[in-house]
Structures are given as C-alpha cells and as structure tokens.
C-alpha atoms as a PDB file:
ATOM      1  CA  MET A   1      88.027  95.446  66.424  1.00  0.00           C
ATOM      2  CA  LEU A   2      91.693  95.572  65.870  1.00  0.00           C
ATOM      3  CA  ALA A   3      92.281  92.449  68.143  1.00  0.00           C
ATOM      4  CA  GLU A   4      89.967  90.523  65.827  1.00  0.00           C
ATOM      5  CA  LEU A   5      92.166  91.371  62.922  1.00  0.00           C
ATOM      6  CA  ASN A   6      95.345  90.144  64.887  1.00  0.00           C
ATOM      7  CA  MET A   7      96.608  93.567  64.874  1.00  0.00           C
ATOM      8  CA  ILE A   8      98.850  94.988  67.556  1.00  0.00           C
ATOM      9  CA  THR A   9      98.112  98.498  68.855  1.00  0.00           C
ATOM     10  CA  THR A  10     100.894 100.854  69.949  1.00  0.00           C
ATOM     11  CA  ARG A  11     100.703 102.885  73.151  1.00  0.00           C
ATOM     12  CA  ARG A  12     102.348 106.067  71.748  1.00  0.00           C
ATOM     13  CA  CYS A  13     100.441 108.502  69.645  1.00  0.00           C
ATOM     14  CA  MET A  14     100.935 111.959  68.466  1.00  0.00           C
ATOM     15  CA  GLY A  15      98.802 114.929  67.242  1.00  0.00           C
ATOM     16  CA  LEU A  16      99.406 117.952  65.307  1.00  0.00           C
ATOM     17  CA  PRO A  17      98.102 120.866  67.395  1.00  0.00           C
ATOM     18  CA  ALA A  18      97.027 123.641  64.924  1.00  0.00           C
ATOM     19  CA  PRO A  19      99.449 122.652  62.183  1.00  0.00           C
ATOM     20  CA  TRP A  20      98.490 125.731  60.265  1.00  0.00           C
ATOM     21  CA  GLU A  21     100.399 127.847  62.935  1.00  0.00           C
ATOM     22  CA  SER A  22     103.666 125.900  62.221  1.00  0.00           C
ATOM     23  CA  LEU A  23     103.942 126.815  58.585  1.00  0.00           C
ATOM     24  CA  ASP A  24     107.339 128.357  57.411  1.00  0.00           C
ATOM     25  CA  ASP A  25     107.531 131.095  54.809  1.00  0.00           C
ATOM     26  CA  ALA A  26     107.337 128.476  52.056  1.00  0.00           C
ATOM     27  CA  GLU A  27     104.147 127.162  53.716  1.00  0.00           C
ATOM     28  CA  ARG A  28     105.961 123.835  54.616  1.00  0.00           C
ATOM     29  CA  TYR A  29     105.221 122.355  58.023  1.00  0.00           C
ATOM     30  CA  ALA A  30     107.909 123.034  60.594  1.00  0.00           C
ATOM     31  CA  PRO A  31     106.972 121.167  63.791  1.00  0.00           C
ATOM     32  CA  ALA A  32     107.839 122.160  67.214  1.00  0.00           C
ATOM     33  CA  ASP A  33     110.398 120.174  69.117  1.00  0.00           C
ATOM     34  CA  SER A  34     107.522 118.491  71.310  1.00  0.00           C
ATOM     35  CA  VAL A  35     106.037 117.210  67.982  1.00  0.00           C
ATOM     36  CA  THR A  36     109.417 115.891  66.738  1.00  0.00           C
ATOM     37  CA  LYS A  37     110.084 114.133  70.039  1.00  0.00           C
ATOM     38  CA  ALA A  38     106.558 112.539  69.959  1.00  0.00           C
ATOM     39  CA  LEU A  39     106.991 111.381  66.339  1.00  0.00           C
ATOM     40  CA  THR A  40     110.479 109.991  67.196  1.00  0.00           C
ATOM     41  CA  SER A  41     109.064 108.095  70.155  1.00  0.00           C
ATOM     42  CA  ALA A  42     106.240 106.653  68.202  1.00  0.00           C
ATOM     43  CA  LEU A  43     108.330 105.630  65.266  1.00  0.00           C
ATOM     44  CA  ALA A  44     110.890 103.918  67.705  1.00  0.00           C
ATOM     45  CA  GLU A  45     108.037 101.971  69.296  1.00  0.00           C
ATOM     46  CA  LEU A  46     106.763 101.018  65.784  1.00  0.00           C
ATOM     47  CA  SER A  47     110.189  99.938  64.793  1.00  0.00           C
ATOM     48  CA  TRP A  48     110.494  97.735  68.005  1.00  0.00           C
ATOM     49  CA  TRP A  49     107.157  96.084  67.446  1.00  0.00           C
ATOM     50  CA  SER A  50     108.157  95.426  63.675  1.00  0.00           C
ATOM     51  CA  ASP A  51     111.283  93.651  64.883  1.00  0.00           C
ATOM     52  CA  VAL A  52     109.750  91.652  67.525  1.00  0.00           C
ATOM     53  CA  LEU A  53     106.839  90.452  65.449  1.00  0.00           C
ATOM     54  CA  THR A  54     109.032  89.656  62.387  1.00  0.00           C
ATOM     55  CA  ASP A  55     111.108  87.435  64.631  1.00  0.00           C
ATOM     56  CA  ALA A  56     108.071  85.845  66.251  1.00  0.00           C
ATOM     57  CA  ARG A  57     106.314  85.131  63.000  1.00  0.00           C
ATOM     58  CA  ALA A  58     109.465  83.502  61.519  1.00  0.00           C
ATOM     59  CA  ASN A  59     110.360  81.514  64.548  1.00  0.00           C
ATOM     60  CA  ARG A  60     107.178  80.907  66.539  1.00  0.00           C
ATOM     61  CA  PRO A  61     104.314  81.255  64.172  1.00  0.00           C
ATOM     62  CA  PHE A  62     100.886  81.472  65.830  1.00  0.00           C
ATOM     63  CA  PRO A  63      98.662  78.490  65.010  1.00  0.00           C
ATOM     64  CA  ALA A  64      95.950  79.155  62.695  1.00  0.00           C
END
C-alpha cells in the first residue's frame, strides 16, 4: 500500500521493549543504550532519505 502512495519505507526500525521497566524516579522514560543507538540509526537513515528525496524532487521530479 505504501508504494501506491509513493512513499519510501526505511529499513531500520526500533521497538521499546517493556518501556515501563525503564522509568526513572520521576517516571520519565530513560532508554537503554541499545534503544538510543537504534533510534540514532533510524533517525540518521530518515535524515538521509529526506536529503536525497528533497534533492531529487527539486532537480529530477517524477513525471505525473
């Protein structure tokens, strides 16, 4: 369905395994290093796609 909407999917994803077990004393989420690393990786890929597609849409638009 996403392809029909001309959407790009990303390969990296992340989950929050039992986030209720990672709450600090003020009940704020304090993620483990592995979660932070996964989020950083996913956001870096999203940023890359954003840059690439912004350039492509400006310089080589797909014919309608």
